[in-house]
Amino acid sequence: AIFRDRLIDQLRSQAGISYSPAVISDWPVGMPNGGKLLALGMVPPDKTDFFFKLSRGIAADLAAKPVEADELDRALTPLKQLLIRQSSGNMFWMRLVEGGTRDPARIEAVNTLAQDIALTTPEELQALAKKYLVPAKDWSLVVVPTTAKK
């Protein structure tokens, strides 16, 4: 949420160019690796370098210093509210424990999910950024329209 909020704020305030910036996080439960963080944005073709520079700058900043407490709170509060709403339904729990017979860590993770979110610290986020937002592992893709031939 912090990466997304920074990306949206900076794209709009610095360039006013992005229609739908998004950051998607996908981390498997019970596996030591295999996750990904995607920063996406629809920008004019001449602004793709700006988008990548901005995204890499956000990643570097998150790794360089802890986020401010108020920024962390702004990111975690909606996540906590979402967890409260979703946890009242059976499908939420079924998705969380799916595969638990093969991987008991999935069930163990359920027991600490709310606490893990509530007790997240700026220093923990910085440590994760240092570990996973490594420039050498950065991968980029640009999709641009072709010009119509007459």
C-alpha atoms as a PDB file:
ATOM      1  CA  ALA A   1       0.000   0.000   0.000  1.00  0.00           C
ATOM      2  CA  ILE A   2       2.847   2.386   0.761  1.00  0.00           C
ATOM      3  CA  PHE A   3       4.556   1.777  -2.579  1.00  0.00           C
ATOM      4  CA  ARG A   4       1.209   2.213  -4.372  1.00  0.00           C
ATOM      5  CA  ASP A   5       0.335   5.421  -2.538  1.00  0.00           C
ATOM      6  CA  ARG A   6       3.733   6.935  -3.259  1.00  0.00           C
ATOM      7  CA  LEU A   7       3.558   5.910  -6.909  1.00  0.00           C
ATOM      8  CA  ILE A   8       0.099   7.414  -7.366  1.00  0.00           C
ATOM      9  CA  ASP A   9       1.006  10.640  -5.556  1.00  0.00           C
ATOM     10  CA  GLN A  10       4.270  11.167  -7.396  1.00  0.00           C
ATOM     11  CA  LEU A  11       3.016  10.232 -10.862  1.00  0.00           C
ATOM     12  CA  ARG A  12       0.085  12.582 -10.567  1.00  0.00           C
ATOM     13  CA  SER A  13       1.857  15.445  -8.825  1.00  0.00           C
ATOM     14  CA  GLN A  14       5.119  15.377 -10.779  1.00  0.00           C
ATOM     15  CA  ALA A  15       3.835  14.493 -14.223  1.00  0.00           C
ATOM     16  CA  GLY A  16       0.055  14.219 -14.224  1.00  0.00           C
ATOM     17  CA  ILE A  17       0.439  11.352 -16.665  1.00  0.00           C
ATOM     18  CA  SER A  18      -0.876   8.103 -15.239  1.00  0.00           C
ATOM     19  CA  TYR A  19      -4.429   6.935 -15.527  1.00  0.00           C
ATOM     20  CA  SER A  20      -4.212   3.809 -13.441  1.00  0.00           C
ATOM     21  CA  PRO A  21      -1.028   3.312 -11.434  1.00  0.00           C
ATOM     22  CA  ALA A  22      -1.156   0.142  -9.385  1.00  0.00           C
ATOM     23  CA  VAL A  23       1.131  -1.967  -7.253  1.00  0.00           C
ATOM     24  CA  ILE A  24       0.366  -5.652  -6.890  1.00  0.00           C
ATOM     25  CA  SER A  25       1.921  -7.857  -4.231  1.00  0.00           C
ATOM     26  CA  ASP A  26       1.773 -11.636  -4.554  1.00  0.00           C
ATOM     27  CA  TRP A  27       3.553 -13.657  -1.885  1.00  0.00           C
ATOM     28  CA  PRO A  28       2.872 -17.373  -1.441  1.00  0.00           C
ATOM     29  CA  VAL A  29       2.045 -18.546   2.074  1.00  0.00           C
ATOM     30  CA  GLY A  30       4.204 -21.352   3.398  1.00  0.00           C
ATOM     31  CA  MET A  31       6.883 -21.055   0.728  1.00  0.00           C
ATOM     32  CA  PRO A  32      10.368 -19.635   1.223  1.00  0.00           C
ATOM     33  CA  ASN A  33      10.314 -17.695  -2.051  1.00  0.00           C
ATOM     34  CA  GLY A  34       8.428 -17.101  -5.262  1.00  0.00           C
ATOM     35  CA  GLY A  35       6.740 -13.810  -4.519  1.00  0.00           C
ATOM     36  CA  LYS A  36       6.619 -10.706  -6.622  1.00  0.00           C
ATOM     37  CA  LEU A  37       5.824  -7.035  -6.437  1.00  0.00           C
ATOM     38  CA  LEU A  38       4.554  -5.414  -9.627  1.00  0.00           C
ATOM     39  CA  ALA A  39       4.365  -1.682 -10.264  1.00  0.00           C
ATOM     40  CA  LEU A  40       2.090  -0.922 -13.212  1.00  0.00           C
ATOM     41  CA  GLY A  41       1.097   2.260 -14.919  1.00  0.00           C
ATOM     42  CA  MET A  42      -0.440   3.390 -18.177  1.00  0.00           C
ATOM     43  CA  VAL A  43       1.736   6.268 -19.310  1.00  0.00           C
ATOM     44  CA  PRO A  44       2.457   7.834 -22.692  1.00  0.00           C
ATOM     45  CA  PRO A  45       5.291   6.015 -24.509  1.00  0.00           C
ATOM     46  CA  ASP A  46       7.641   8.961 -24.028  1.00  0.00           C
ATOM     47  CA  LYS A  47       7.145   8.779 -20.244  1.00  0.00           C
ATOM     48  CA  THR A  48       8.047   5.109 -19.671  1.00  0.00           C
ATOM     49  CA  ASP A  49      11.595   5.991 -18.577  1.00  0.00           C
ATOM     50  CA  PHE A  50      10.135   8.467 -16.085  1.00  0.00           C
ATOM     51  CA  PHE A  51       7.800   5.763 -14.718  1.00  0.00           C
ATOM     52  CA  PHE A  52      10.663   3.293 -14.218  1.00  0.00           C
ATOM     53  CA  LYS A  53      12.925   5.929 -12.670  1.00  0.00           C
ATOM     54  CA  LEU A  54      10.155   6.913 -10.275  1.00  0.00           C
ATOM     55  CA  SER A  55       9.354   3.290  -9.341  1.00  0.00           C
ATOM     56  CA  ARG A  56      13.009   2.457  -8.770  1.00  0.00           C
ATOM     57  CA  GLY A  57      13.389   5.609  -6.683  1.00  0.00           C
ATOM     58  CA  ILE A  58      10.487   4.595  -4.456  1.00  0.00           C
ATOM     59  CA  ALA A  59      11.990   1.118  -4.021  1.00  0.00           C
ATOM     60  CA  ALA A  60      15.390   2.593  -3.152  1.00  0.00           C
ATOM     61  CA  ASP A  61      13.852   5.010  -0.651  1.00  0.00           C
ATOM     62  CA  LEU A  62      11.904   2.228   1.068  1.00  0.00           C
ATOM     63  CA  ALA A  63      15.149   0.259   1.421  1.00  0.00           C
ATOM     64  CA  ALA A  64      17.211   3.269   2.528  1.00  0.00           C
ATOM     65  CA  LYS A  65      15.103   4.468   5.440  1.00  0.00           C
ATOM     66  CA  PRO A  66      12.088   3.447   7.513  1.00  0.00           C
ATOM     67  CA  VAL A  67       8.728   4.934   6.574  1.00  0.00           C
ATOM     68  CA  GLU A  68       7.200   7.501   8.897  1.00  0.00           C
ATOM     69  CA  ALA A  69       4.739   6.160  11.477  1.00  0.00           C
ATOM     70  CA  ASP A  70       1.825   8.158  10.041  1.00  0.00           C
ATOM     71  CA  GLU A  71       2.477   6.826   6.515  1.00  0.00           C
ATOM     72  CA  LEU A  72       2.515   3.275   7.877  1.00  0.00           C
ATOM     73  CA  ASP A  73      -0.733   3.903   9.739  1.00  0.00           C
ATOM     74  CA  ARG A  74      -2.396   5.297   6.592  1.00  0.00           C
ATOM     75  CA  ALA A  75      -1.403   2.109   4.773  1.00  0.00           C
ATOM     76  CA  LEU A  76      -2.334  -0.368   7.506  1.00  0.00           C
ATOM     77  CA  THR A  77      -5.679   1.073   8.632  1.00  0.00           C
ATOM     78  CA  PRO A  78      -7.566   0.183   5.414  1.00  0.00           C
ATOM     79  CA  LEU A  79      -5.898  -3.234   5.415  1.00  0.00           C
ATOM     80  CA  LYS A  80      -7.042  -3.882   8.984  1.00  0.00           C
ATOM     81  CA  GLN A  81     -10.578  -2.780   8.081  1.00  0.00           C
ATOM     82  CA  LEU A  82     -10.579  -5.056   5.031  1.00  0.00           C
ATOM     83  CA  LEU A  83      -9.419  -7.978   7.160  1.00  0.00           C
ATOM     84  CA  ILE A  84     -12.244  -7.372   9.638  1.00  0.00           C
ATOM     85  CA  ARG A  85     -14.863  -7.277   6.865  1.00  0.00           C
ATOM     86  CA  GLN A  86     -13.540 -10.266   4.937  1.00  0.00           C
ATOM     87  CA  SER A  87     -12.933 -12.443   7.971  1.00  0.00           C
ATOM     88  CA  SER A  88     -16.667 -12.603   8.660  1.00  0.00           C
ATOM     89  CA  GLY A  89     -17.182 -14.889   5.648  1.00  0.00           C
ATOM     90  CA  ASN A  90     -16.421 -18.559   5.204  1.00  0.00           C
ATOM     91  CA  MET A  91     -14.709 -18.116   1.827  1.00  0.00           C
ATOM     92  CA  PHE A  92     -12.046 -15.944   3.433  1.00  0.00           C
ATOM     93  CA  TRP A  93     -11.107 -18.722   5.834  1.00  0.00           C
ATOM     94  CA  MET A  94     -11.350 -21.427   3.201  1.00  0.00           C
ATOM     95  CA  ARG A  95      -8.867 -19.589   0.967  1.00  0.00           C
ATOM     96  CA  LEU A  96      -6.457 -19.086   3.846  1.00  0.00           C
ATOM     97  CA  VAL A  97      -6.368 -22.722   4.932  1.00  0.00           C
ATOM     98  CA  GLU A  98      -6.500 -24.192   1.428  1.00  0.00           C
ATOM     99  CA  GLY A  99      -3.615 -26.636   1.149  1.00  0.00           C
ATOM    100  CA  GLY A 100      -3.209 -26.803   4.916  1.00  0.00           C
ATOM    101  CA  THR A 101      -3.187 -30.601   4.947  1.00  0.00           C
ATOM    102  CA  ARG A 102      -0.065 -30.547   2.762  1.00  0.00           C
ATOM    103  CA  ASP A 103       1.453 -27.466   4.324  1.00  0.00           C
ATOM    104  CA  PRO A 104       0.694 -26.869   8.018  1.00  0.00           C
ATOM    105  CA  ALA A 105       2.396 -23.452   7.771  1.00  0.00           C
ATOM    106  CA  ARG A 106      -0.699 -22.176   5.942  1.00  0.00           C
ATOM    107  CA  ILE A 107      -2.868 -22.951   8.963  1.00  0.00           C
ATOM    108  CA  GLU A 108      -0.270 -21.566  11.360  1.00  0.00           C
ATOM    109  CA  ALA A 109      -0.199 -18.324   9.357  1.00  0.00           C
ATOM    110  CA  VAL A 110      -3.945 -17.857   9.916  1.00  0.00           C
ATOM    111  CA  ASN A 111      -3.414 -17.701  13.664  1.00  0.00           C
ATOM    112  CA  THR A 112      -1.121 -14.692  13.426  1.00  0.00           C
ATOM    113  CA  LEU A 113      -2.473 -12.845  10.375  1.00  0.00           C
ATOM    114  CA  ALA A 114      -4.221  -9.988  12.205  1.00  0.00           C
ATOM    115  CA  GLN A 115      -1.381  -9.633  14.690  1.00  0.00           C
ATOM    116  CA  ASP A 116       1.228  -9.655  11.920  1.00  0.00           C
ATOM    117  CA  ILE A 117      -0.538  -6.764  10.208  1.00  0.00           C
ATOM    118  CA  ALA A 118      -1.253  -4.800  13.389  1.00  0.00           C
ATOM    119  CA  LEU A 119       2.296  -5.059  14.725  1.00  0.00           C
ATOM    120  CA  THR A 120       4.151  -4.266  11.505  1.00  0.00           C
ATOM    121  CA  THR A 121       6.898  -1.719  12.135  1.00  0.00           C
ATOM    122  CA  PRO A 122       8.672   0.737   9.845  1.00  0.00           C
ATOM    123  CA  GLU A 123      11.922  -1.136  10.491  1.00  0.00           C
ATOM    124  CA  GLU A 124      10.396  -4.449   9.376  1.00  0.00           C
ATOM    125  CA  LEU A 125       9.183  -2.851   6.157  1.00  0.00           C
ATOM    126  CA  GLN A 126      12.621  -1.392   5.546  1.00  0.00           C
ATOM    127  CA  ALA A 127      14.250  -4.798   6.104  1.00  0.00           C
ATOM    128  CA  LEU A 128      11.827  -6.385   3.624  1.00  0.00           C
ATOM    129  CA  ALA A 129      12.524  -3.648   1.083  1.00  0.00           C
ATOM    130  CA  LYS A 130      16.272  -4.225   1.452  1.00  0.00           C
ATOM    131  CA  LYS A 131      15.769  -7.949   0.950  1.00  0.00           C
ATOM    132  CA  TYR A 132      13.292  -7.942  -1.939  1.00  0.00           C
ATOM    133  CA  LEU A 133      13.498  -4.595  -3.738  1.00  0.00           C
ATOM    134  CA  VAL A 134      16.985  -5.317  -5.020  1.00  0.00           C
ATOM    135  CA  PRO A 135      17.970  -3.412  -8.176  1.00  0.00           C
ATOM    136  CA  ALA A 136      19.816  -6.447  -9.583  1.00  0.00           C
ATOM    137  CA  LYS A 137      16.547  -8.414  -9.548  1.00  0.00           C
ATOM    138  CA  ASP A 138      14.516  -5.634 -11.164  1.00  0.00           C
ATOM    139  CA  TRP A 139      12.715  -6.637 -14.342  1.00  0.00           C
ATOM    140  CA  SER A 140      10.887  -4.265 -16.650  1.00  0.00           C
ATOM    141  CA  LEU A 141       8.423  -4.612 -19.496  1.00  0.00           C
ATOM    142  CA  VAL A 142       7.136  -1.883 -21.782  1.00  0.00           C
ATOM    143  CA  VAL A 143       4.112  -2.344 -24.015  1.00  0.00           C
ATOM    144  CA  VAL A 144       3.593   0.460 -26.498  1.00  0.00           C
ATOM    145  CA  PRO A 145       1.135   0.829 -29.356  1.00  0.00           C
ATOM    146  CA  THR A 146       2.362   0.548 -32.897  1.00  0.00           C
ATOM    147  CA  THR A 147       1.630   3.275 -35.356  1.00  0.00           C
ATOM    148  CA  ALA A 148      -0.947   2.457 -37.983  1.00  0.00           C
ATOM    149  CA  LYS A 149       0.483   1.948 -41.453  1.00  0.00           C
ATOM    150  CA  LYS A 150      -1.293   3.587 -44.347  1.00  0.00           C
END
